Amino acid sequence: MKQPPGFRSPKNPDFVCYLTKAIYGLKQAPRAWYSALKQALLEFSFITTKSHSSLFVFHDGSILAYCIVYVDDLILTGNNSTFVASIIDQLGQKFSIKDLGSLHFFLGVEVIPTKDGLFLTQHKYIQDILAKTSMDGAKDVTTPLSTLVSLQLANGSPSIDSTEYHSDWSIAILVLNST
C-alpha cells in the first residue's frame, strides 16, 4: 500500500494508512456491509449455503425462509409471513432498509405469484432487448439465415459494423438458453 497523493508525509515517507472503520465509497465498504449483514443473519439462526455465499437459509420445524443477497439488495421470502415480517423488523433495527413489499422484478426476472407457487419469466427483459435492436416487430422463422452470409444494405452498399448487433444477440441467446 502507498500513501495517497497529497497525503505524503516528508517526515514519514514509508507510513501508510490503516483503515479502522469502513467508510461508504471505499472498496472496503461493501465487504464490511456484507460482513455485518452476514453476522446479523447468523444471529437470527440463518445458515450460509455451501453452494453460494449470498444465499442464507433458515429452517426450524415447519418454518423455512430464504435470504438472497445481491450487491445491496435482499430478497427475503419464506413459508411463514409472520416470521418474515419479524426478520424484516429485526434487520431494520440494525440497518437502514426499505421494504419494497412483494417481489415483482429482480435482475430482469419477472416474478408472478400463482396458486401453485411462483412463475419466473424474462418476457419483459427479452421484449426490451428486441425493442433496443428494433426487432420487436420481427416475425419468427424456423430456418435461420446462414452465419456465413455477408449482409448488405438494400442499396448494395456494405453493411454497417455488426459488433453491436452481435453483442445484443449474444445477450438474447444467453437469456433464452438459460431460461
N, C-alpha and C. Protein backbone atom coordinates (compact mmCIF):
# COMPACT_ATOMS: atom_id res chain seq x y z
N MET A 1 0.85 -1.18 0.00
CA MET A 1 0.00 0.00 0.00
C MET A 1 0.89 1.23 0.00
N LYS A 2 0.44 2.26 -0.70
CA LYS A 2 1.19 3.50 -0.77
C LYS A 2 0.34 4.63 -0.19
N GLN A 3 1.05 5.68 0.23
CA GLN A 3 0.31 6.85 0.71
C GLN A 3 -0.44 7.47 -0.47
N PRO A 4 -1.67 7.92 -0.24
CA PRO A 4 -2.43 8.53 -1.33
C PRO A 4 -1.79 9.85 -1.75
N PRO A 5 -1.96 10.23 -3.03
CA PRO A 5 -1.41 11.51 -3.50
C PRO A 5 -1.95 12.67 -2.66
N GLY A 6 -1.08 13.59 -2.31
CA GLY A 6 -1.47 14.74 -1.50
C GLY A 6 -1.38 14.49 -0.01
N PHE A 7 -1.14 13.26 0.39
CA PHE A 7 -1.05 12.93 1.82
C PHE A 7 0.32 12.38 2.19
N ARG A 8 1.30 12.64 1.36
CA ARG A 8 2.64 12.15 1.65
C ARG A 8 3.26 12.98 2.77
N SER A 9 3.83 12.28 3.70
CA SER A 9 4.46 12.95 4.83
C SER A 9 5.98 12.98 4.61
N PRO A 10 6.58 14.17 4.61
CA PRO A 10 8.03 14.24 4.43
C PRO A 10 8.77 13.57 5.60
N LYS A 11 8.17 13.62 6.80
CA LYS A 11 8.82 13.02 7.97
C LYS A 11 8.76 11.49 7.92
N ASN A 12 7.63 10.97 7.42
CA ASN A 12 7.41 9.52 7.42
C ASN A 12 7.00 9.04 6.02
N PRO A 13 7.92 9.03 5.08
CA PRO A 13 7.55 8.67 3.71
C PRO A 13 7.13 7.20 3.54
N ASP A 14 7.48 6.36 4.50
CA ASP A 14 7.14 4.94 4.39
C ASP A 14 5.85 4.58 5.12
N PHE A 15 5.23 5.53 5.80
CA PHE A 15 3.99 5.25 6.53
C PHE A 15 2.83 5.08 5.54
N VAL A 16 1.91 4.22 5.89
CA VAL A 16 0.71 4.03 5.09
C VAL A 16 -0.50 4.20 5.99
N CYS A 17 -1.67 4.29 5.38
CA CYS A 17 -2.90 4.46 6.14
C CYS A 17 -3.37 3.11 6.66
N TYR A 18 -3.91 3.10 7.84
CA TYR A 18 -4.52 1.91 8.40
C TYR A 18 -6.00 2.22 8.61
N LEU A 19 -6.86 1.53 7.88
CA LEU A 19 -8.29 1.78 7.93
C LEU A 19 -8.89 1.02 9.11
N THR A 20 -9.41 1.77 10.08
CA THR A 20 -10.01 1.13 11.25
C THR A 20 -11.52 1.00 11.11
N LYS A 21 -12.12 1.74 10.19
CA LYS A 21 -13.56 1.69 10.01
C LYS A 21 -13.85 1.87 8.53
N ALA A 22 -14.73 1.03 7.99
CA ALA A 22 -15.08 1.15 6.58
C ALA A 22 -15.92 2.40 6.37
N ILE A 23 -15.61 3.11 5.34
CA ILE A 23 -16.32 4.33 5.00
C ILE A 23 -17.04 4.10 3.68
N TYR A 24 -18.29 4.52 3.59
CA TYR A 24 -19.05 4.34 2.36
C TYR A 24 -18.30 4.98 1.19
N GLY A 25 -18.19 4.26 0.11
CA GLY A 25 -17.50 4.77 -1.06
C GLY A 25 -16.13 4.16 -1.25
N LEU A 26 -15.56 3.60 -0.19
CA LEU A 26 -14.27 2.95 -0.33
C LEU A 26 -14.47 1.48 -0.70
N LYS A 27 -13.45 0.86 -1.23
CA LYS A 27 -13.55 -0.53 -1.66
C LYS A 27 -13.91 -1.47 -0.51
N GLN A 28 -13.54 -1.11 0.70
CA GLN A 28 -13.79 -1.99 1.83
C GLN A 28 -15.25 -1.93 2.30
N ALA A 29 -15.99 -0.89 1.94
CA ALA A 29 -17.35 -0.70 2.46
C ALA A 29 -18.29 -1.86 2.10
N PRO A 30 -18.33 -2.32 0.86
CA PRO A 30 -19.23 -3.45 0.57
C PRO A 30 -18.89 -4.70 1.37
N ARG A 31 -17.61 -4.96 1.55
CA ARG A 31 -17.22 -6.14 2.33
C ARG A 31 -17.65 -5.97 3.79
N ALA A 32 -17.47 -4.78 4.34
CA ALA A 32 -17.87 -4.53 5.73
C ALA A 32 -19.39 -4.65 5.87
N TRP A 33 -20.14 -4.12 4.88
CA TRP A 33 -21.59 -4.22 4.93
C TRP A 33 -22.02 -5.67 4.86
N TYR A 34 -21.43 -6.44 3.95
CA TYR A 34 -21.78 -7.85 3.82
C TYR A 34 -21.43 -8.61 5.10
N SER A 35 -20.27 -8.31 5.68
CA SER A 35 -19.87 -8.99 6.92
C SER A 35 -20.86 -8.71 8.04
N ALA A 36 -21.30 -7.45 8.15
CA ALA A 36 -22.28 -7.10 9.19
C ALA A 36 -23.62 -7.77 8.92
N LEU A 37 -24.04 -7.80 7.66
CA LEU A 37 -25.30 -8.45 7.31
C LEU A 37 -25.22 -9.95 7.58
N LYS A 38 -24.13 -10.56 7.18
CA LYS A 38 -23.94 -11.99 7.40
C LYS A 38 -24.00 -12.31 8.90
N GLN A 39 -23.31 -11.50 9.70
CA GLN A 39 -23.32 -11.70 11.15
C GLN A 39 -24.74 -11.59 11.71
N ALA A 40 -25.49 -10.59 11.24
CA ALA A 40 -26.87 -10.42 11.71
C ALA A 40 -27.73 -11.63 11.33
N LEU A 41 -27.60 -12.09 10.10
CA LEU A 41 -28.40 -13.25 9.67
C LEU A 41 -28.01 -14.51 10.44
N LEU A 42 -26.73 -14.67 10.73
CA LEU A 42 -26.30 -15.82 11.53
C LEU A 42 -26.86 -15.73 12.94
N GLU A 43 -26.94 -14.51 13.49
CA GLU A 43 -27.55 -14.32 14.82
C GLU A 43 -29.03 -14.67 14.80
N PHE A 44 -29.69 -14.50 13.64
CA PHE A 44 -31.11 -14.85 13.51
C PHE A 44 -31.28 -16.33 13.16
N SER A 45 -30.20 -17.11 13.27
CA SER A 45 -30.18 -18.56 13.02
C SER A 45 -30.28 -18.96 11.55
N PHE A 46 -29.96 -18.05 10.65
CA PHE A 46 -29.82 -18.42 9.25
C PHE A 46 -28.46 -19.09 9.09
N ILE A 47 -28.34 -19.94 8.10
CA ILE A 47 -27.04 -20.54 7.80
C ILE A 47 -26.69 -20.23 6.35
N THR A 48 -25.39 -20.13 6.07
CA THR A 48 -24.96 -19.91 4.69
C THR A 48 -24.95 -21.25 3.98
N THR A 49 -25.26 -21.22 2.72
CA THR A 49 -25.24 -22.46 1.95
C THR A 49 -23.83 -22.71 1.44
N LYS A 50 -23.53 -23.97 1.21
CA LYS A 50 -22.22 -24.33 0.67
C LYS A 50 -22.11 -23.96 -0.80
N SER A 51 -23.25 -23.92 -1.48
CA SER A 51 -23.24 -23.67 -2.91
C SER A 51 -23.02 -22.20 -3.26
N HIS A 52 -23.50 -21.29 -2.41
CA HIS A 52 -23.34 -19.86 -2.73
C HIS A 52 -23.34 -19.03 -1.45
N SER A 53 -22.36 -18.16 -1.33
CA SER A 53 -22.21 -17.37 -0.09
C SER A 53 -23.28 -16.29 0.05
N SER A 54 -24.04 -16.02 -1.01
CA SER A 54 -25.07 -14.98 -0.90
C SER A 54 -26.46 -15.55 -0.62
N LEU A 55 -26.55 -16.85 -0.42
CA LEU A 55 -27.83 -17.48 -0.09
C LEU A 55 -27.81 -17.97 1.35
N PHE A 56 -28.77 -17.47 2.13
CA PHE A 56 -28.89 -17.85 3.53
C PHE A 56 -30.23 -18.57 3.72
N VAL A 57 -30.21 -19.61 4.55
CA VAL A 57 -31.41 -20.42 4.75
C VAL A 57 -31.70 -20.53 6.25
N PHE A 58 -32.98 -20.39 6.59
CA PHE A 58 -33.45 -20.61 7.96
C PHE A 58 -34.42 -21.78 7.91
N HIS A 59 -34.22 -22.76 8.79
CA HIS A 59 -35.13 -23.89 8.87
C HIS A 59 -35.28 -24.29 10.33
N ASP A 60 -36.48 -24.17 10.83
CA ASP A 60 -36.77 -24.55 12.21
C ASP A 60 -38.18 -25.13 12.26
N GLY A 61 -38.26 -26.42 12.41
CA GLY A 61 -39.57 -27.07 12.42
C GLY A 61 -40.24 -26.91 11.08
N SER A 62 -41.41 -26.28 11.10
CA SER A 62 -42.15 -26.09 9.85
C SER A 62 -41.83 -24.76 9.17
N ILE A 63 -41.00 -23.92 9.81
CA ILE A 63 -40.68 -22.61 9.24
C ILE A 63 -39.44 -22.72 8.36
N LEU A 64 -39.59 -22.24 7.14
CA LEU A 64 -38.50 -22.24 6.17
C LEU A 64 -38.41 -20.84 5.56
N ALA A 65 -37.22 -20.25 5.56
CA ALA A 65 -37.04 -18.92 4.99
C ALA A 65 -35.72 -18.86 4.23
N TYR A 66 -35.71 -18.03 3.20
CA TYR A 66 -34.52 -17.84 2.38
C TYR A 66 -34.22 -16.35 2.29
N CYS A 67 -32.94 -16.03 2.32
CA CYS A 67 -32.49 -14.65 2.12
C CYS A 67 -31.40 -14.69 1.06
N ILE A 68 -31.64 -14.00 -0.04
CA ILE A 68 -30.68 -13.92 -1.14
C ILE A 68 -30.14 -12.50 -1.17
N VAL A 69 -28.82 -12.38 -1.19
CA VAL A 69 -28.15 -11.07 -1.19
C VAL A 69 -27.55 -10.84 -2.57
N TYR A 70 -27.85 -9.68 -3.16
CA TYR A 70 -27.23 -9.28 -4.42
C TYR A 70 -26.80 -7.83 -4.28
N VAL A 71 -25.51 -7.59 -4.23
CA VAL A 71 -24.90 -6.28 -4.01
C VAL A 71 -25.48 -5.69 -2.73
N ASP A 72 -26.45 -4.75 -2.82
CA ASP A 72 -27.04 -4.20 -1.61
C ASP A 72 -28.55 -4.43 -1.58
N ASP A 73 -29.02 -5.41 -2.34
CA ASP A 73 -30.43 -5.77 -2.35
C ASP A 73 -30.61 -7.14 -1.69
N LEU A 74 -31.74 -7.30 -1.03
CA LEU A 74 -32.06 -8.58 -0.39
C LEU A 74 -33.42 -9.06 -0.88
N ILE A 75 -33.52 -10.35 -1.08
CA ILE A 75 -34.83 -10.97 -1.26
C ILE A 75 -35.00 -11.87 -0.04
N LEU A 76 -36.03 -11.60 0.72
CA LEU A 76 -36.33 -12.40 1.91
C LEU A 76 -37.70 -13.01 1.71
N THR A 77 -37.76 -14.31 1.71
CA THR A 77 -39.03 -15.00 1.50
C THR A 77 -39.09 -16.24 2.38
N GLY A 78 -40.28 -16.69 2.61
CA GLY A 78 -40.45 -17.87 3.43
C GLY A 78 -41.89 -18.34 3.44
N ASN A 79 -42.12 -19.44 4.11
CA ASN A 79 -43.46 -20.01 4.16
C ASN A 79 -44.28 -19.49 5.34
N ASN A 80 -43.71 -18.58 6.14
CA ASN A 80 -44.41 -18.03 7.30
C ASN A 80 -44.26 -16.51 7.26
N SER A 81 -45.33 -15.82 6.87
CA SER A 81 -45.25 -14.37 6.70
C SER A 81 -44.97 -13.63 8.01
N THR A 82 -45.41 -14.17 9.13
CA THR A 82 -45.13 -13.55 10.43
C THR A 82 -43.64 -13.60 10.72
N PHE A 83 -43.02 -14.74 10.45
CA PHE A 83 -41.58 -14.87 10.67
C PHE A 83 -40.80 -13.93 9.75
N VAL A 84 -41.18 -13.88 8.48
CA VAL A 84 -40.50 -13.00 7.52
C VAL A 84 -40.63 -11.55 7.97
N ALA A 85 -41.82 -11.14 8.42
CA ALA A 85 -42.02 -9.77 8.90
C ALA A 85 -41.15 -9.48 10.12
N SER A 86 -40.99 -10.45 11.01
CA SER A 86 -40.16 -10.23 12.20
C SER A 86 -38.68 -10.09 11.82
N ILE A 87 -38.22 -10.85 10.83
CA ILE A 87 -36.83 -10.72 10.36
C ILE A 87 -36.63 -9.35 9.73
N ILE A 88 -37.60 -8.90 8.94
CA ILE A 88 -37.50 -7.57 8.33
C ILE A 88 -37.41 -6.50 9.41
N ASP A 89 -38.23 -6.63 10.46
CA ASP A 89 -38.18 -5.67 11.58
C ASP A 89 -36.82 -5.70 12.27
N GLN A 90 -36.30 -6.89 12.52
CA GLN A 90 -35.00 -7.01 13.20
C GLN A 90 -33.87 -6.45 12.33
N LEU A 91 -33.93 -6.72 11.02
CA LEU A 91 -32.92 -6.15 10.12
C LEU A 91 -33.03 -4.63 10.09
N GLY A 92 -34.27 -4.12 10.16
CA GLY A 92 -34.49 -2.68 10.18
C GLY A 92 -33.91 -2.00 11.41
N GLN A 93 -33.78 -2.73 12.50
CA GLN A 93 -33.18 -2.18 13.71
C GLN A 93 -31.66 -2.09 13.59
N LYS A 94 -31.07 -2.94 12.74
CA LYS A 94 -29.61 -2.96 12.59
C LYS A 94 -29.13 -2.19 11.37
N PHE A 95 -29.98 -2.09 10.34
CA PHE A 95 -29.58 -1.46 9.08
C PHE A 95 -30.66 -0.50 8.62
N SER A 96 -30.26 0.42 7.78
CA SER A 96 -31.23 1.31 7.14
C SER A 96 -31.79 0.55 5.94
N ILE A 97 -33.03 0.10 6.06
CA ILE A 97 -33.61 -0.70 4.97
C ILE A 97 -34.92 -0.08 4.50
N LYS A 98 -35.30 -0.47 3.30
CA LYS A 98 -36.57 -0.03 2.74
C LYS A 98 -37.28 -1.28 2.24
N ASP A 99 -38.40 -1.61 2.84
CA ASP A 99 -39.18 -2.78 2.43
C ASP A 99 -40.00 -2.41 1.21
N LEU A 100 -39.70 -3.05 0.08
CA LEU A 100 -40.40 -2.75 -1.16
C LEU A 100 -41.62 -3.65 -1.38
N GLY A 101 -41.96 -4.43 -0.37
CA GLY A 101 -43.14 -5.28 -0.47
C GLY A 101 -42.89 -6.53 -1.29
N SER A 102 -43.94 -7.00 -1.93
CA SER A 102 -43.85 -8.23 -2.72
C SER A 102 -42.89 -8.05 -3.89
N LEU A 103 -42.21 -9.13 -4.23
CA LEU A 103 -41.25 -9.12 -5.32
C LEU A 103 -41.97 -9.18 -6.65
N HIS A 104 -41.62 -8.24 -7.55
CA HIS A 104 -42.20 -8.22 -8.89
C HIS A 104 -41.12 -8.41 -9.96
N PHE A 105 -39.99 -7.69 -9.82
CA PHE A 105 -38.88 -7.80 -10.76
C PHE A 105 -37.58 -7.88 -9.97
N PHE A 106 -36.64 -8.69 -10.46
CA PHE A 106 -35.32 -8.77 -9.85
C PHE A 106 -34.34 -9.23 -10.91
N LEU A 107 -33.36 -8.39 -11.22
CA LEU A 107 -32.31 -8.71 -12.19
C LEU A 107 -32.89 -9.16 -13.53
N GLY A 108 -33.92 -8.48 -14.00
CA GLY A 108 -34.51 -8.80 -15.29
C GLY A 108 -35.49 -9.95 -15.26
N VAL A 109 -35.70 -10.55 -14.11
CA VAL A 109 -36.64 -11.67 -13.99
C VAL A 109 -37.93 -11.15 -13.37
N GLU A 110 -39.05 -11.40 -14.05
CA GLU A 110 -40.36 -11.02 -13.52
C GLU A 110 -40.88 -12.17 -12.67
N VAL A 111 -41.40 -11.84 -11.50
CA VAL A 111 -41.92 -12.84 -10.57
C VAL A 111 -43.43 -12.68 -10.48
N ILE A 112 -44.15 -13.73 -10.86
CA ILE A 112 -45.61 -13.69 -10.86
C ILE A 112 -46.13 -14.77 -9.91
N PRO A 113 -46.83 -14.34 -8.83
CA PRO A 113 -47.38 -15.34 -7.91
C PRO A 113 -48.54 -16.10 -8.57
N THR A 114 -48.57 -17.40 -8.36
CA THR A 114 -49.68 -18.24 -8.84
C THR A 114 -50.18 -19.06 -7.65
N LYS A 115 -51.27 -19.78 -7.87
CA LYS A 115 -51.80 -20.59 -6.76
C LYS A 115 -50.87 -21.74 -6.40
N ASP A 116 -49.99 -22.13 -7.35
CA ASP A 116 -49.07 -23.24 -7.11
C ASP A 116 -47.69 -22.79 -6.65
N GLY A 117 -47.43 -21.51 -6.64
CA GLY A 117 -46.11 -21.01 -6.25
C GLY A 117 -45.77 -19.74 -7.01
N LEU A 118 -44.57 -19.68 -7.54
CA LEU A 118 -44.12 -18.50 -8.28
C LEU A 118 -43.80 -18.89 -9.72
N PHE A 119 -44.16 -18.01 -10.64
CA PHE A 119 -43.82 -18.19 -12.05
C PHE A 119 -42.76 -17.14 -12.38
N LEU A 120 -41.60 -17.60 -12.86
CA LEU A 120 -40.50 -16.71 -13.20
C LEU A 120 -40.40 -16.60 -14.71
N THR A 121 -40.32 -15.37 -15.22
CA THR A 121 -40.24 -15.16 -16.66
C THR A 121 -39.32 -13.99 -16.96
N GLN A 122 -38.70 -14.03 -18.12
CA GLN A 122 -37.87 -12.92 -18.58
C GLN A 122 -38.51 -12.25 -19.79
N HIS A 123 -39.82 -12.36 -19.93
CA HIS A 123 -40.54 -11.82 -21.07
C HIS A 123 -40.26 -10.33 -21.26
N LYS A 124 -40.39 -9.54 -20.21
CA LYS A 124 -40.18 -8.09 -20.32
C LYS A 124 -38.74 -7.78 -20.72
N TYR A 125 -37.78 -8.49 -20.14
CA TYR A 125 -36.36 -8.28 -20.46
C TYR A 125 -36.10 -8.58 -21.94
N ILE A 126 -36.67 -9.67 -22.43
CA ILE A 126 -36.49 -10.04 -23.84
C ILE A 126 -37.17 -9.01 -24.74
N GLN A 127 -38.36 -8.54 -24.35
CA GLN A 127 -39.04 -7.51 -25.13
C GLN A 127 -38.20 -6.23 -25.19
N ASP A 128 -37.56 -5.88 -24.08
CA ASP A 128 -36.69 -4.69 -24.05
C ASP A 128 -35.50 -4.86 -24.99
N ILE A 129 -34.90 -6.06 -25.02
CA ILE A 129 -33.78 -6.32 -25.93
C ILE A 129 -34.24 -6.22 -27.37
N LEU A 130 -35.41 -6.80 -27.67
CA LEU A 130 -35.94 -6.73 -29.03
C LEU A 130 -36.23 -5.29 -29.43
N ALA A 131 -36.77 -4.49 -28.52
CA ALA A 131 -37.05 -3.08 -28.82
C ALA A 131 -35.75 -2.31 -29.04
N LYS A 132 -34.74 -2.59 -28.23
CA LYS A 132 -33.45 -1.90 -28.35
C LYS A 132 -32.81 -2.17 -29.71
N THR A 133 -33.00 -3.38 -30.23
CA THR A 133 -32.39 -3.75 -31.51
C THR A 133 -33.36 -3.57 -32.68
N SER A 134 -34.49 -2.90 -32.42
CA SER A 134 -35.53 -2.68 -33.43
C SER A 134 -36.03 -3.98 -34.03
N MET A 135 -36.09 -5.01 -33.22
CA MET A 135 -36.54 -6.32 -33.68
C MET A 135 -37.89 -6.69 -33.06
N ASP A 136 -38.54 -5.74 -32.37
CA ASP A 136 -39.78 -6.07 -31.69
C ASP A 136 -40.93 -6.38 -32.65
N GLY A 137 -40.81 -5.99 -33.92
CA GLY A 137 -41.84 -6.32 -34.90
C GLY A 137 -41.47 -7.49 -35.78
N ALA A 138 -40.35 -8.13 -35.50
CA ALA A 138 -39.86 -9.23 -36.35
C ALA A 138 -40.73 -10.47 -36.21
N LYS A 139 -40.79 -11.22 -37.30
CA LYS A 139 -41.53 -12.49 -37.30
C LYS A 139 -40.54 -13.62 -37.08
N ASP A 140 -40.98 -14.66 -36.42
CA ASP A 140 -40.09 -15.80 -36.20
C ASP A 140 -39.99 -16.64 -37.47
N VAL A 141 -38.94 -17.41 -37.57
CA VAL A 141 -38.71 -18.26 -38.73
C VAL A 141 -38.12 -19.58 -38.24
N THR A 142 -38.49 -20.66 -38.90
CA THR A 142 -37.99 -21.97 -38.46
C THR A 142 -36.59 -22.25 -38.98
N THR A 143 -36.19 -21.62 -40.08
CA THR A 143 -34.86 -21.84 -40.64
C THR A 143 -34.09 -20.53 -40.59
N PRO A 144 -33.15 -20.39 -39.67
CA PRO A 144 -32.40 -19.13 -39.58
C PRO A 144 -31.44 -18.97 -40.75
N LEU A 145 -31.03 -17.75 -40.98
CA LEU A 145 -30.09 -17.41 -42.05
C LEU A 145 -28.72 -17.98 -41.72
N SER A 146 -28.02 -18.38 -42.73
CA SER A 146 -26.66 -18.89 -42.55
C SER A 146 -25.78 -17.81 -41.95
N THR A 147 -24.89 -18.21 -41.07
CA THR A 147 -23.98 -17.25 -40.45
C THR A 147 -22.86 -16.82 -41.38
N LEU A 148 -22.70 -17.51 -42.51
CA LEU A 148 -21.62 -17.19 -43.45
C LEU A 148 -22.02 -16.12 -44.47
N VAL A 149 -23.30 -15.76 -44.53
CA VAL A 149 -23.76 -14.77 -45.50
C VAL A 149 -23.31 -13.39 -45.06
N SER A 150 -22.75 -12.62 -46.02
CA SER A 150 -22.34 -11.24 -45.74
C SER A 150 -23.53 -10.34 -46.05
N LEU A 151 -24.05 -9.68 -45.06
CA LEU A 151 -25.23 -8.83 -45.24
C LEU A 151 -24.86 -7.51 -45.90
N GLN A 152 -25.75 -7.03 -46.78
CA GLN A 152 -25.58 -5.73 -47.42
C GLN A 152 -26.88 -4.96 -47.30
N LEU A 153 -26.77 -3.65 -47.34
CA LEU A 153 -27.95 -2.81 -47.30
C LEU A 153 -28.70 -2.95 -48.61
N ALA A 154 -29.98 -2.52 -48.65
CA ALA A 154 -30.82 -2.67 -49.84
C ALA A 154 -30.23 -1.97 -51.06
N ASN A 155 -29.48 -0.88 -50.85
CA ASN A 155 -28.91 -0.15 -51.99
C ASN A 155 -27.59 -0.76 -52.47
N GLY A 156 -27.19 -1.88 -51.91
CA GLY A 156 -25.99 -2.58 -52.35
C GLY A 156 -24.72 -2.19 -51.63
N SER A 157 -24.77 -1.17 -50.78
CA SER A 157 -23.56 -0.76 -50.05
C SER A 157 -23.26 -1.77 -48.95
N PRO A 158 -21.99 -1.85 -48.53
CA PRO A 158 -21.63 -2.81 -47.48
C PRO A 158 -22.41 -2.55 -46.19
N SER A 159 -22.60 -3.62 -45.45
CA SER A 159 -23.35 -3.50 -44.20
C SER A 159 -22.57 -2.70 -43.16
N ILE A 160 -23.29 -2.23 -42.16
CA ILE A 160 -22.65 -1.48 -41.08
C ILE A 160 -21.91 -2.45 -40.16
N ASP A 161 -21.14 -1.90 -39.25
CA ASP A 161 -20.38 -2.72 -38.30
C ASP A 161 -21.35 -3.59 -37.50
N SER A 162 -21.11 -4.88 -37.51
CA SER A 162 -22.04 -5.82 -36.87
C SER A 162 -21.69 -6.12 -35.42
N THR A 163 -20.70 -5.43 -34.85
CA THR A 163 -20.29 -5.71 -33.48
C THR A 163 -21.43 -5.51 -32.49
N GLU A 164 -22.14 -4.38 -32.63
CA GLU A 164 -23.25 -4.10 -31.71
C GLU A 164 -24.36 -5.13 -31.90
N TYR A 165 -24.64 -5.47 -33.16
CA TYR A 165 -25.66 -6.48 -33.47
C TYR A 165 -25.33 -7.80 -32.79
N HIS A 166 -24.08 -8.22 -32.92
CA HIS A 166 -23.67 -9.50 -32.33
C HIS A 166 -23.74 -9.47 -30.81
N SER A 167 -23.35 -8.35 -30.18
CA SER A 167 -23.40 -8.29 -28.72
C SER A 167 -24.83 -8.36 -28.22
N ASP A 168 -25.76 -7.67 -28.91
CA ASP A 168 -27.16 -7.72 -28.50
C ASP A 168 -27.73 -9.12 -28.65
N TRP A 169 -27.39 -9.78 -29.76
CA TRP A 169 -27.90 -11.13 -29.96
C TRP A 169 -27.23 -12.12 -29.03
N SER A 170 -25.99 -11.87 -28.68
CA SER A 170 -25.33 -12.74 -27.70
C SER A 170 -26.07 -12.70 -26.38
N ILE A 171 -26.51 -11.50 -25.99
CA ILE A 171 -27.29 -11.35 -24.75
C ILE A 171 -28.60 -12.12 -24.88
N ALA A 172 -29.29 -11.94 -26.02
CA ALA A 172 -30.58 -12.60 -26.21
C ALA A 172 -30.44 -14.11 -26.19
N ILE A 173 -29.41 -14.63 -26.85
CA ILE A 173 -29.20 -16.08 -26.88
C ILE A 173 -28.87 -16.60 -25.48
N LEU A 174 -28.05 -15.85 -24.74
CA LEU A 174 -27.73 -16.24 -23.37
C LEU A 174 -28.99 -16.32 -22.52
N VAL A 175 -29.85 -15.30 -22.64
CA VAL A 175 -31.10 -15.28 -21.87
C VAL A 175 -31.98 -16.46 -22.25
N LEU A 176 -32.13 -16.69 -23.54
CA LEU A 176 -33.01 -17.77 -23.99
C LEU A 176 -32.49 -19.14 -23.60
N ASN A 177 -31.18 -19.32 -23.62
CA ASN A 177 -30.61 -20.61 -23.26
C ASN A 177 -30.65 -20.88 -21.76
N SER A 178 -30.68 -19.82 -20.96
CA SER A 178 -30.62 -20.02 -19.51
C SER A 178 -31.99 -20.02 -18.85
N THR A 179 -33.06 -19.92 -19.64
CA THR A 179 -34.41 -19.95 -19.04
C THR A 179 -35.10 -21.25 -19.33
